[in-house]
Amino acid sequence: MQAWGFTYKSCAVWDKELLGMGYWFRGQHELLLVGTKGTFSPPPQPLRIGSVIREKRSNHSKKPPLVRNLIASWFPDARRIELFARNTSPGWDVWGNDAENEGVLFNV
């Protein structure tokens, strides 16, 4: 994150509620790392959520829209990017690593 110019701020866990593949542990979660460029205050206290997000996974690598929606509501005028995204979303730059958009930056 630092190599890309971001300052690490916090993290959360997405509990997918279903077991996946794995050798040592069968993956059931993903980590969400939050970083900033520039000066940002955390969201107002009443809008903050817990660090464990429980939402059943659906299609392969499809992330739940909840977190994108929260960040967009907390920072409506900020530029936002999701790294390793699988799809585009209005108001977000996304950089993905799949067959459809490998290594491409989208301005949306």
C-alpha atoms as a PDB file:
ATOM      1  CA  MET A   1       0.000   0.000   0.000  1.00  0.00           C
ATOM      2  CA  GLN A   2       2.813   2.372   0.901  1.00  0.00           C
ATOM      3  CA  ALA A   3       4.593   1.635  -2.392  1.00  0.00           C
ATOM      4  CA  TRP A   4       1.490   2.934  -4.215  1.00  0.00           C
ATOM      5  CA  GLY A   5       1.512   6.130  -2.152  1.00  0.00           C
ATOM      6  CA  PHE A   6      -1.278   5.260   0.286  1.00  0.00           C
ATOM      7  CA  THR A   7      -1.218   5.607   4.066  1.00  0.00           C
ATOM      8  CA  TYR A   8      -2.709   2.599   5.827  1.00  0.00           C
ATOM      9  CA  LYS A   9      -5.635   3.565   8.096  1.00  0.00           C
ATOM     10  CA  SER A  10      -7.580   0.467   9.126  1.00  0.00           C
ATOM     11  CA  CYS A  11      -8.913  -2.916   8.089  1.00  0.00           C
ATOM     12  CA  ALA A  12     -12.081  -4.981   8.224  1.00  0.00           C
ATOM     13  CA  VAL A  13     -12.959  -8.618   7.569  1.00  0.00           C
ATOM     14  CA  TRP A  14     -15.611  -9.847   5.157  1.00  0.00           C
ATOM     15  CA  ASP A  15     -17.021 -13.087   6.574  1.00  0.00           C
ATOM     16  CA  LYS A  16     -18.338 -14.872   3.486  1.00  0.00           C
ATOM     17  CA  GLU A  17     -20.359 -17.267   5.672  1.00  0.00           C
ATOM     18  CA  LEU A  18     -19.367 -20.249   3.484  1.00  0.00           C
ATOM     19  CA  LEU A  19     -16.200 -22.320   3.504  1.00  0.00           C
ATOM     20  CA  GLY A  20     -13.975 -22.090   0.464  1.00  0.00           C
ATOM     21  CA  MET A  21     -10.855 -23.898  -0.702  1.00  0.00           C
ATOM     22  CA  GLY A  22      -7.589 -24.114   1.176  1.00  0.00           C
ATOM     23  CA  TYR A  23      -4.716 -26.311   2.317  1.00  0.00           C
ATOM     24  CA  TRP A  24      -4.095 -25.096   5.864  1.00  0.00           C
ATOM     25  CA  PHE A  25      -7.368 -23.288   6.433  1.00  0.00           C
ATOM     26  CA  ARG A  26     -10.445 -23.311   4.248  1.00  0.00           C
ATOM     27  CA  GLY A  27     -10.915 -19.657   3.355  1.00  0.00           C
ATOM     28  CA  GLN A  28     -14.091 -18.072   4.624  1.00  0.00           C
ATOM     29  CA  HIS A  29     -13.041 -14.433   4.736  1.00  0.00           C
ATOM     30  CA  GLU A  30     -11.290 -11.610   2.907  1.00  0.00           C
ATOM     31  CA  LEU A  31      -9.485  -8.630   4.357  1.00  0.00           C
ATOM     32  CA  LEU A  32     -10.425  -5.079   3.442  1.00  0.00           C
ATOM     33  CA  LEU A  33      -7.516  -2.664   3.834  1.00  0.00           C
ATOM     34  CA  VAL A  34      -8.310   1.046   3.929  1.00  0.00           C
ATOM     35  CA  GLY A  35      -5.689   3.598   2.929  1.00  0.00           C
ATOM     36  CA  THR A  36      -5.730   7.264   2.024  1.00  0.00           C
ATOM     37  CA  LYS A  37      -3.800   9.791  -0.036  1.00  0.00           C
ATOM     38  CA  GLY A  38      -4.053  13.262   1.402  1.00  0.00           C
ATOM     39  CA  THR A  39      -5.858  14.328   4.558  1.00  0.00           C
ATOM     40  CA  PHE A  40      -9.059  12.556   5.548  1.00  0.00           C
ATOM     41  CA  SER A  41     -10.846  12.332   8.865  1.00  0.00           C
ATOM     42  CA  PRO A  42     -12.618   9.106   9.787  1.00  0.00           C
ATOM     43  CA  PRO A  43     -16.355   8.975   9.111  1.00  0.00           C
ATOM     44  CA  PRO A  44     -18.572  10.541  11.789  1.00  0.00           C
ATOM     45  CA  GLN A  45     -18.966   8.305  14.855  1.00  0.00           C
ATOM     46  CA  PRO A  46     -22.680   7.491  14.277  1.00  0.00           C
ATOM     47  CA  LEU A  47     -21.899   6.201  10.738  1.00  0.00           C
ATOM     48  CA  ARG A  48     -19.077   3.826  11.681  1.00  0.00           C
ATOM     49  CA  ILE A  49     -19.754   0.098  11.470  1.00  0.00           C
ATOM     50  CA  GLY A  50     -18.177  -2.973  13.049  1.00  0.00           C
ATOM     51  CA  SER A  51     -15.014  -4.417  11.553  1.00  0.00           C
ATOM     52  CA  VAL A  52     -16.617  -7.784  10.709  1.00  0.00           C
ATOM     53  CA  ILE A  53     -18.956  -7.654   7.726  1.00  0.00           C
ATOM     54  CA  ARG A  54     -21.083 -10.783   7.396  1.00  0.00           C
ATOM     55  CA  GLU A  55     -22.532 -11.256   3.960  1.00  0.00           C
ATOM     56  CA  LYS A  56     -22.840 -14.539   2.095  1.00  0.00           C
ATOM     57  CA  ARG A  57     -20.588 -14.789  -0.937  1.00  0.00           C
ATOM     58  CA  SER A  58     -22.152 -15.197  -4.352  1.00  0.00           C
ATOM     59  CA  ASN A  59     -20.247 -15.469  -7.646  1.00  0.00           C
ATOM     60  CA  HIS A  60     -16.491 -16.109  -7.686  1.00  0.00           C
ATOM     61  CA  SER A  61     -14.611 -13.041  -6.395  1.00  0.00           C
ATOM     62  CA  LYS A  62     -17.729 -10.847  -6.456  1.00  0.00           C
ATOM     63  CA  LYS A  63     -17.520  -8.488  -3.509  1.00  0.00           C
ATOM     64  CA  PRO A  64     -20.600  -7.285  -1.630  1.00  0.00           C
ATOM     65  CA  PRO A  65     -21.477  -3.666  -2.569  1.00  0.00           C
ATOM     66  CA  LEU A  66     -21.981  -2.642   1.076  1.00  0.00           C
ATOM     67  CA  VAL A  67     -18.447  -1.346   1.661  1.00  0.00           C
ATOM     68  CA  ARG A  68     -18.227   0.653  -1.570  1.00  0.00           C
ATOM     69  CA  ASN A  69     -21.593   2.218  -0.765  1.00  0.00           C
ATOM     70  CA  LEU A  70     -20.503   3.122   2.778  1.00  0.00           C
ATOM     71  CA  ILE A  71     -17.235   4.709   1.671  1.00  0.00           C
ATOM     72  CA  ALA A  72     -19.013   6.671  -1.075  1.00  0.00           C
ATOM     73  CA  SER A  73     -21.570   7.972   1.447  1.00  0.00           C
ATOM     74  CA  TRP A  74     -18.839   8.938   3.947  1.00  0.00           C
ATOM     75  CA  PHE A  75     -16.723  10.731   1.325  1.00  0.00           C
ATOM     76  CA  PRO A  76     -19.056  11.773  -1.523  1.00  0.00           C
ATOM     77  CA  ASP A  77     -16.647  14.314  -3.047  1.00  0.00           C
ATOM     78  CA  ALA A  78     -13.410  12.325  -2.733  1.00  0.00           C
ATOM     79  CA  ARG A  79     -11.745  10.366  -5.508  1.00  0.00           C
ATOM     80  CA  ARG A  80     -11.991   6.671  -4.700  1.00  0.00           C
ATOM     81  CA  ILE A  81     -10.217   3.621  -6.114  1.00  0.00           C
ATOM     82  CA  GLU A  82     -10.675  -0.081  -5.504  1.00  0.00           C
ATOM     83  CA  LEU A  83      -7.578  -2.128  -6.214  1.00  0.00           C
ATOM     84  CA  PHE A  84      -8.030  -5.668  -7.506  1.00  0.00           C
ATOM     85  CA  ALA A  85     -11.639  -4.910  -8.390  1.00  0.00           C
ATOM     86  CA  ARG A  86     -13.689  -7.322 -10.453  1.00  0.00           C
ATOM     87  CA  ASN A  87     -16.143  -4.771 -11.839  1.00  0.00           C
ATOM     88  CA  THR A  88     -16.679  -1.045 -12.250  1.00  0.00           C
ATOM     89  CA  SER A  89     -18.879   1.182 -10.145  1.00  0.00           C
ATOM     90  CA  PRO A  90     -20.005   4.779 -10.741  1.00  0.00           C
ATOM     91  CA  GLY A  91     -17.816   7.274  -8.889  1.00  0.00           C
ATOM     92  CA  TRP A  92     -14.918   4.841  -8.481  1.00  0.00           C
ATOM     93  CA  ASP A  93     -11.656   4.237 -10.267  1.00  0.00           C
ATOM     94  CA  VAL A  94     -10.997   0.516 -10.297  1.00  0.00           C
ATOM     95  CA  TRP A  95      -7.922  -1.513 -11.024  1.00  0.00           C
ATOM     96  CA  GLY A  96      -8.513  -5.180 -11.597  1.00  0.00           C
ATOM     97  CA  ASN A  97      -6.693  -8.407 -12.088  1.00  0.00           C
ATOM     98  CA  ASP A  98      -9.002 -10.763 -13.944  1.00  0.00           C
ATOM     99  CA  ALA A  99      -9.479 -11.876 -17.545  1.00  0.00           C
ATOM    100  CA  GLU A 100     -11.821  -8.990 -18.354  1.00  0.00           C
ATOM    101  CA  ASN A 101      -9.803  -6.032 -17.047  1.00  0.00           C
ATOM    102  CA  GLU A 102      -6.333  -7.316 -16.194  1.00  0.00           C
ATOM    103  CA  GLY A 103      -3.993  -4.527 -15.184  1.00  0.00           C
ATOM    104  CA  VAL A 104      -6.297  -1.783 -16.477  1.00  0.00           C
ATOM    105  CA  LEU A 105      -7.269   1.418 -14.691  1.00  0.00           C
ATOM    106  CA  PHE A 106     -10.804   2.563 -15.387  1.00  0.00           C
ATOM    107  CA  ASN A 107     -12.062   6.081 -14.751  1.00  0.00           C
ATOM    108  CA  VAL A 108     -15.775   5.840 -14.050  1.00  0.00           C
END
